[in-house]
Amino acid sequence: MGYGEWGAVVKSPTSDADSTKEHLIDLAAAQTVARAEHSEMTRLFGSFAAGAKSRLRSRFTAANSAR
């Protein structure tokens, strides 16, 4: 590995395969984390939405019974 014209790192051709493999492993790990975070956010939003729906229903019921 050396430095290019503007100081950019220049990889040797033999490291390209290893670099690609590492990149794919990193990408797979990032996708796994993103899926887990998405699942957690979906669960939290579902819980929040259910609680909000319940509160709205109770307020609507209380408002109608007060009439």
PDB file of N, CA and C in Angstrom:
ATOM      1  N   MET A   1       0.862  -1.171   0.000  1.00  0.00           N
ATOM      2  CA  MET A   1       0.000   0.000   0.000  1.00  0.00           C
ATOM      3  C   MET A   1       0.907   1.232   0.000  1.00  0.00           C
ATOM      4  N   GLY A   2       0.565   2.162  -0.856  1.00  0.00           N
ATOM      5  CA  GLY A   2       1.364   3.373  -0.948  1.00  0.00           C
ATOM      6  C   GLY A   2       0.470   4.589  -1.068  1.00  0.00           C
ATOM      7  N   TYR A   3       1.075   5.720  -1.372  1.00  0.00           N
ATOM      8  CA  TYR A   3       0.310   6.949  -1.495  1.00  0.00           C
ATOM      9  C   TYR A   3       0.293   7.402  -2.941  1.00  0.00           C
ATOM     10  N   GLY A   4      -0.865   7.874  -3.386  1.00  0.00           N
ATOM     11  CA  GLY A   4      -1.030   8.342  -4.751  1.00  0.00           C
ATOM     12  C   GLY A   4      -0.594   9.788  -4.895  1.00  0.00           C
ATOM     13  N   GLU A   5      -0.971  10.371  -6.008  1.00  0.00           N
ATOM     14  CA  GLU A   5      -0.527  11.710  -6.378  1.00  0.00           C
ATOM     15  C   GLU A   5      -0.933  12.773  -5.355  1.00  0.00           C
ATOM     16  N   TRP A   6      -2.168  12.694  -4.832  1.00  0.00           N
ATOM     17  CA  TRP A   6      -2.637  13.720  -3.885  1.00  0.00           C
ATOM     18  C   TRP A   6      -2.696  13.178  -2.460  1.00  0.00           C
ATOM     19  N   GLY A   7      -1.909  12.184  -2.182  1.00  0.00           N
ATOM     20  CA  GLY A   7      -1.883  11.634  -0.833  1.00  0.00           C
ATOM     21  C   GLY A   7      -2.938  10.575  -0.587  1.00  0.00           C
ATOM     22  N   ALA A   8      -3.684  10.198  -1.630  1.00  0.00           N
ATOM     23  CA  ALA A   8      -4.691   9.155  -1.466  1.00  0.00           C
ATOM     24  C   ALA A   8      -3.993   7.800  -1.330  1.00  0.00           C
ATOM     25  N   VAL A   9      -4.577   6.959  -0.539  1.00  0.00           N
ATOM     26  CA  VAL A   9      -3.986   5.639  -0.343  1.00  0.00           C
ATOM     27  C   VAL A   9      -4.235   4.797  -1.588  1.00  0.00           C
ATOM     28  N   VAL A  10      -3.192   4.190  -2.105  1.00  0.00           N
ATOM     29  CA  VAL A  10      -3.290   3.319  -3.275  1.00  0.00           C
ATOM     30  C   VAL A  10      -3.077   1.896  -2.813  1.00  0.00           C
ATOM     31  N   LYS A  11      -4.076   1.034  -3.038  1.00  0.00           N
ATOM     32  CA  LYS A  11      -3.979  -0.353  -2.600  1.00  0.00           C
ATOM     33  C   LYS A  11      -3.333  -1.195  -3.689  1.00  0.00           C
ATOM     34  N   SER A  12      -2.624  -2.183  -3.260  1.00  0.00           N
ATOM     35  CA  SER A  12      -2.035  -3.101  -4.229  1.00  0.00           C
ATOM     36  C   SER A  12      -3.133  -4.025  -4.754  1.00  0.00           C
ATOM     37  N   PRO A  13      -2.992  -4.538  -5.969  1.00  0.00           N
ATOM     38  CA  PRO A  13      -4.019  -5.404  -6.557  1.00  0.00           C
ATOM     39  C   PRO A  13      -4.316  -6.649  -5.730  1.00  0.00           C
ATOM     40  N   THR A  14      -3.336  -7.149  -5.008  1.00  0.00           N
ATOM     41  CA  THR A  14      -3.559  -8.358  -4.208  1.00  0.00           C
ATOM     42  C   THR A  14      -4.466  -8.086  -3.015  1.00  0.00           C
ATOM     43  N   SER A  15      -4.531  -6.850  -2.559  1.00  0.00           N
ATOM     44  CA  SER A  15      -5.373  -6.554  -1.400  1.00  0.00           C
ATOM     45  C   SER A  15      -6.807  -6.243  -1.803  1.00  0.00           C
ATOM     46  N   ASP A  16      -7.092  -6.107  -3.088  1.00  0.00           N
ATOM     47  CA  ASP A  16      -8.448  -5.797  -3.531  1.00  0.00           C
ATOM     48  C   ASP A  16      -9.443  -6.880  -3.138  1.00  0.00           C
ATOM     49  N   ALA A  17      -9.087  -8.145  -3.307  1.00  0.00           N
ATOM     50  CA  ALA A  17      -9.991  -9.239  -2.961  1.00  0.00           C
ATOM     51  C   ALA A  17     -10.273  -9.245  -1.463  1.00  0.00           C
ATOM     52  N   ASP A  18      -9.227  -9.055  -0.660  1.00  0.00           N
ATOM     53  CA  ASP A  18      -9.417  -9.016   0.787  1.00  0.00           C
ATOM     54  C   ASP A  18     -10.255  -7.806   1.187  1.00  0.00           C
ATOM     55  N   SER A  19      -9.992  -6.694   0.546  1.00  0.00           N
ATOM     56  CA  SER A  19     -10.729  -5.469   0.836  1.00  0.00           C
ATOM     57  C   SER A  19     -12.204  -5.635   0.494  1.00  0.00           C
ATOM     58  N   THR A  20     -12.484  -6.253  -0.650  1.00  0.00           N
ATOM     59  CA  THR A  20     -13.865  -6.481  -1.061  1.00  0.00           C
ATOM     60  C   THR A  20     -14.564  -7.416  -0.081  1.00  0.00           C
ATOM     61  N   LYS A  21     -13.861  -8.462   0.322  1.00  0.00           N
ATOM     62  CA  LYS A  21     -14.421  -9.410   1.287  1.00  0.00           C
ATOM     63  C   LYS A  21     -14.728  -8.698   2.605  1.00  0.00           C
ATOM     64  N   GLU A  22     -13.808  -7.890   3.088  1.00  0.00           N
ATOM     65  CA  GLU A  22     -14.029  -7.144   4.328  1.00  0.00           C
ATOM     66  C   GLU A  22     -15.203  -6.180   4.178  1.00  0.00           C
ATOM     67  N   HIS A  23     -15.286  -5.530   3.020  1.00  0.00           N
ATOM     68  CA  HIS A  23     -16.383  -4.596   2.771  1.00  0.00           C
ATOM     69  C   HIS A  23     -17.729  -5.327   2.800  1.00  0.00           C
ATOM     70  N   LEU A  24     -17.793  -6.506   2.183  1.00  0.00           N
ATOM     71  CA  LEU A  24     -19.038  -7.280   2.176  1.00  0.00           C
ATOM     72  C   LEU A  24     -19.413  -7.748   3.575  1.00  0.00           C
ATOM     73  N   ILE A  25     -18.418  -8.118   4.357  1.00  0.00           N
ATOM     74  CA  ILE A  25     -18.684  -8.513   5.746  1.00  0.00           C
ATOM     75  C   ILE A  25     -19.204  -7.322   6.543  1.00  0.00           C
ATOM     76  N   ASP A  26     -18.568  -6.159   6.370  1.00  0.00           N
ATOM     77  CA  ASP A  26     -19.027  -4.939   7.056  1.00  0.00           C
ATOM     78  C   ASP A  26     -20.439  -4.575   6.625  1.00  0.00           C
ATOM     79  N   LEU A  27     -20.715  -4.706   5.335  1.00  0.00           N
ATOM     80  CA  LEU A  27     -22.048  -4.387   4.813  1.00  0.00           C
ATOM     81  C   LEU A  27     -23.099  -5.322   5.398  1.00  0.00           C
ATOM     82  N   ALA A  28     -22.789  -6.617   5.453  1.00  0.00           N
ATOM     83  CA  ALA A  28     -23.719  -7.587   6.037  1.00  0.00           C
ATOM     84  C   ALA A  28     -23.979  -7.273   7.508  1.00  0.00           C
ATOM     85  N   ALA A  29     -22.928  -6.908   8.234  1.00  0.00           N
ATOM     86  CA  ALA A  29     -23.088  -6.556   9.648  1.00  0.00           C
ATOM     87  C   ALA A  29     -23.948  -5.309   9.802  1.00  0.00           C
ATOM     88  N   ALA A  30     -23.722  -4.319   8.950  1.00  0.00           N
ATOM     89  CA  ALA A  30     -24.507  -3.083   9.002  1.00  0.00           C
ATOM     90  C   ALA A  30     -25.973  -3.361   8.683  1.00  0.00           C
ATOM     91  N   GLN A  31     -26.229  -4.245   7.728  1.00  0.00           N
ATOM     92  CA  GLN A  31     -27.613  -4.592   7.387  1.00  0.00           C
ATOM     93  C   GLN A  31     -28.288  -5.306   8.549  1.00  0.00           C
ATOM     94  N   THR A  32     -27.553  -6.178   9.222  1.00  0.00           N
ATOM     95  CA  THR A  32     -28.108  -6.890  10.371  1.00  0.00           C
ATOM     96  C   THR A  32     -28.482  -5.908  11.480  1.00  0.00           C
ATOM     97  N   VAL A  33     -27.604  -4.958  11.741  1.00  0.00           N
ATOM     98  CA  VAL A  33     -27.879  -3.944  12.759  1.00  0.00           C
ATOM     99  C   VAL A  33     -29.081  -3.093  12.344  1.00  0.00           C
ATOM    100  N   ALA A  34     -29.137  -2.707  11.072  1.00  0.00           N
ATOM    101  CA  ALA A  34     -30.254  -1.886  10.593  1.00  0.00           C
ATOM    102  C   ALA A  34     -31.574  -2.633  10.727  1.00  0.00           C
ATOM    103  N   ARG A  35     -31.569  -3.925  10.418  1.00  0.00           N
ATOM    104  CA  ARG A  35     -32.805  -4.714  10.564  1.00  0.00           C
ATOM    105  C   ARG A  35     -33.234  -4.782  12.026  1.00  0.00           C
ATOM    106  N   ALA A  36     -32.277  -4.988  12.917  1.00  0.00           N
ATOM    107  CA  ALA A  36     -32.589  -5.060  14.344  1.00  0.00           C
ATOM    108  C   ALA A  36     -33.137  -3.719  14.835  1.00  0.00           C
ATOM    109  N   GLU A  37     -32.515  -2.625  14.412  1.00  0.00           N
ATOM    110  CA  GLU A  37     -32.993  -1.301  14.819  1.00  0.00           C
ATOM    111  C   GLU A  37     -34.383  -1.036  14.245  1.00  0.00           C
ATOM    112  N   HIS A  38     -34.627  -1.446  13.007  1.00  0.00           N
ATOM    113  CA  HIS A  38     -35.934  -1.251  12.390  1.00  0.00           C
ATOM    114  C   HIS A  38     -36.992  -2.047  13.143  1.00  0.00           C
ATOM    115  N   SER A  39     -36.668  -3.274  13.506  1.00  0.00           N
ATOM    116  CA  SER A  39     -37.612  -4.104  14.262  1.00  0.00           C
ATOM    117  C   SER A  39     -37.934  -3.460  15.606  1.00  0.00           C
ATOM    118  N   GLU A  40     -36.910  -2.953  16.276  1.00  0.00           N
ATOM    119  CA  GLU A  40     -37.116  -2.311  17.570  1.00  0.00           C
ATOM    120  C   GLU A  40     -37.963  -1.043  17.425  1.00  0.00           C
ATOM    121  N   MET A  41     -37.664  -0.238  16.405  1.00  0.00           N
ATOM    122  CA  MET A  41     -38.446   0.989  16.188  1.00  0.00           C
ATOM    123  C   MET A  41     -39.898   0.652  15.845  1.00  0.00           C
ATOM    124  N   THR A  42     -40.101  -0.383  15.049  1.00  0.00           N
ATOM    125  CA  THR A  42     -41.459  -0.808  14.700  1.00  0.00           C
ATOM    126  C   THR A  42     -42.207  -1.250  15.946  1.00  0.00           C
ATOM    127  N   ARG A  43     -41.519  -2.014  16.799  1.00  0.00           N
ATOM    128  CA  ARG A  43     -42.152  -2.476  18.038  1.00  0.00           C
ATOM    129  C   ARG A  43     -42.495  -1.297  18.945  1.00  0.00           C
ATOM    130  N   LEU A  44     -41.557  -0.360  19.089  1.00  0.00           N
ATOM    131  CA  LEU A  44     -41.807   0.800  19.942  1.00  0.00           C
ATOM    132  C   LEU A  44     -42.939   1.659  19.392  1.00  0.00           C
ATOM    133  N   PHE A  45     -42.946   1.873  18.072  1.00  0.00           N
ATOM    134  CA  PHE A  45     -44.011   2.677  17.484  1.00  0.00           C
ATOM    135  C   PHE A  45     -45.358   1.989  17.641  1.00  0.00           C
ATOM    136  N   GLY A  46     -45.380   0.672  17.452  1.00  0.00           N
ATOM    137  CA  GLY A  46     -46.625  -0.079  17.634  1.00  0.00           C
ATOM    138  C   GLY A  46     -47.147   0.052  19.046  1.00  0.00           C
ATOM    139  N   SER A  47     -46.228  -0.014  20.010  1.00  0.00           N
ATOM    140  CA  SER A  47     -46.604   0.134  21.409  1.00  0.00           C
ATOM    141  C   SER A  47     -47.128   1.545  21.676  1.00  0.00           C
ATOM    142  N   PHE A  48     -46.434   2.551  21.133  1.00  0.00           N
ATOM    143  CA  PHE A  48     -46.861   3.937  21.296  1.00  0.00           C
ATOM    144  C   PHE A  48     -48.230   4.152  20.654  1.00  0.00           C
ATOM    145  N   ALA A  49     -48.407   3.624  19.445  1.00  0.00           N
ATOM    146  CA  ALA A  49     -49.673   3.796  18.725  1.00  0.00           C
ATOM    147  C   ALA A  49     -50.815   3.126  19.478  1.00  0.00           C
ATOM    148  N   ALA A  50     -50.573   1.947  20.030  1.00  0.00           N
ATOM    149  CA  ALA A  50     -51.609   1.252  20.783  1.00  0.00           C
ATOM    150  C   ALA A  50     -51.997   2.053  22.026  1.00  0.00           C
ATOM    151  N   GLY A  51     -51.000   2.616  22.708  1.00  0.00           N
ATOM    152  CA  GLY A  51     -51.284   3.433  23.889  1.00  0.00           C
ATOM    153  C   GLY A  51     -52.042   4.697  23.524  1.00  0.00           C
ATOM    154  N   ALA A  52     -51.661   5.332  22.420  1.00  0.00           N
ATOM    155  CA  ALA A  52     -52.347   6.550  21.973  1.00  0.00           C
ATOM    156  C   ALA A  52     -53.789   6.234  21.592  1.00  0.00           C
ATOM    157  N   LYS A  53     -53.993   5.126  20.926  1.00  0.00           N
ATOM    158  CA  LYS A  53     -55.343   4.724  20.521  1.00  0.00           C
ATOM    159  C   LYS A  53     -56.203   4.475  21.757  1.00  0.00           C
ATOM    160  N   SER A  54     -55.621   3.824  22.742  1.00  0.00           N
ATOM    161  CA  SER A  54     -56.344   3.557  23.981  1.00  0.00           C
ATOM    162  C   SER A  54     -56.709   4.852  24.695  1.00  0.00           C
ATOM    163  N   ARG A  55     -55.766   5.803  24.765  1.00  0.00           N
ATOM    164  CA  ARG A  55     -56.049   7.088  25.424  1.00  0.00           C
ATOM    165  C   ARG A  55     -57.123   7.867  24.681  1.00  0.00           C
ATOM    166  N   LEU A  56     -57.046   7.859  23.347  1.00  0.00           N
ATOM    167  CA  LEU A  56     -58.068   8.564  22.572  1.00  0.00           C
ATOM    168  C   LEU A  56     -59.443   7.929  22.763  1.00  0.00           C
ATOM    169  N   ARG A  57     -59.475   6.614  22.786  1.00  0.00           N
ATOM    170  CA  ARG A  57     -60.751   5.924  22.979  1.00  0.00           C
ATOM    171  C   ARG A  57     -61.353   6.278  24.329  1.00  0.00           C
ATOM    172  N   SER A  58     -60.520   6.302  25.376  1.00  0.00           N
ATOM    173  CA  SER A  58     -61.040   6.614  26.708  1.00  0.00           C
ATOM    174  C   SER A  58     -61.496   8.078  26.786  1.00  0.00           C
ATOM    175  N   ARG A  59     -60.776   8.985  26.129  1.00  0.00           N
ATOM    176  CA  ARG A  59     -61.210  10.392  26.121  1.00  0.00           C
ATOM    177  C   ARG A  59     -62.520  10.559  25.366  1.00  0.00           C
ATOM    178  N   PHE A  60     -62.642   9.852  24.240  1.00  0.00           N
ATOM    179  CA  PHE A  60     -63.864   9.932  23.446  1.00  0.00           C
ATOM    180  C   PHE A  60     -65.045   9.376  24.240  1.00  0.00           C
ATOM    181  N   THR A  61     -64.824   8.260  24.927  1.00  0.00           N
ATOM    182  CA  THR A  61     -65.877   7.651  25.736  1.00  0.00           C
ATOM    183  C   THR A  61     -66.278   8.595  26.870  1.00  0.00           C
ATOM    184  N   ALA A  62     -65.279   9.205  27.526  1.00  0.00           N
ATOM    185  CA  ALA A  62     -65.564  10.130  28.627  1.00  0.00           C
ATOM    186  C   ALA A  62     -66.308  11.359  28.113  1.00  0.00           C
ATOM    187  N   ALA A  63     -65.942  11.867  26.954  1.00  0.00           N
ATOM    188  CA  ALA A  63     -66.604  13.043  26.393  1.00  0.00           C
ATOM    189  C   ALA A  63     -68.046  12.719  26.012  1.00  0.00           C
ATOM    190  N   ASN A  64     -68.275  11.548  25.474  1.00  0.00           N
ATOM    191  CA  ASN A  64     -69.638  11.158  25.089  1.00  0.00           C
ATOM    192  C   ASN A  64     -70.508  10.879  26.300  1.00  0.00           C
ATOM    193  N   SER A  65     -69.947  10.338  27.360  1.00  0.00           N
ATOM    194  CA  SER A  65     -70.742  10.043  28.555  1.00  0.00           C
ATOM    195  C   SER A  65     -71.055  11.325  29.333  1.00  0.00           C
ATOM    196  N   ALA A  66     -70.260  12.368  29.141  1.00  0.00           N
ATOM    197  CA  ALA A  66     -70.486  13.634  29.842  1.00  0.00           C
ATOM    198  C   ALA A  66     -71.631  14.416  29.215  1.00  0.00           C
ATOM    199  N   ARG A  67     -71.999  14.080  28.006  1.00  0.00           N
ATOM    200  CA  ARG A  67     -73.072  14.821  27.316  1.00  0.00           C
ATOM    201  C   ARG A  67     -74.415  14.511  27.863  1.00  0.00           C
TER     202      ARG A  67
END
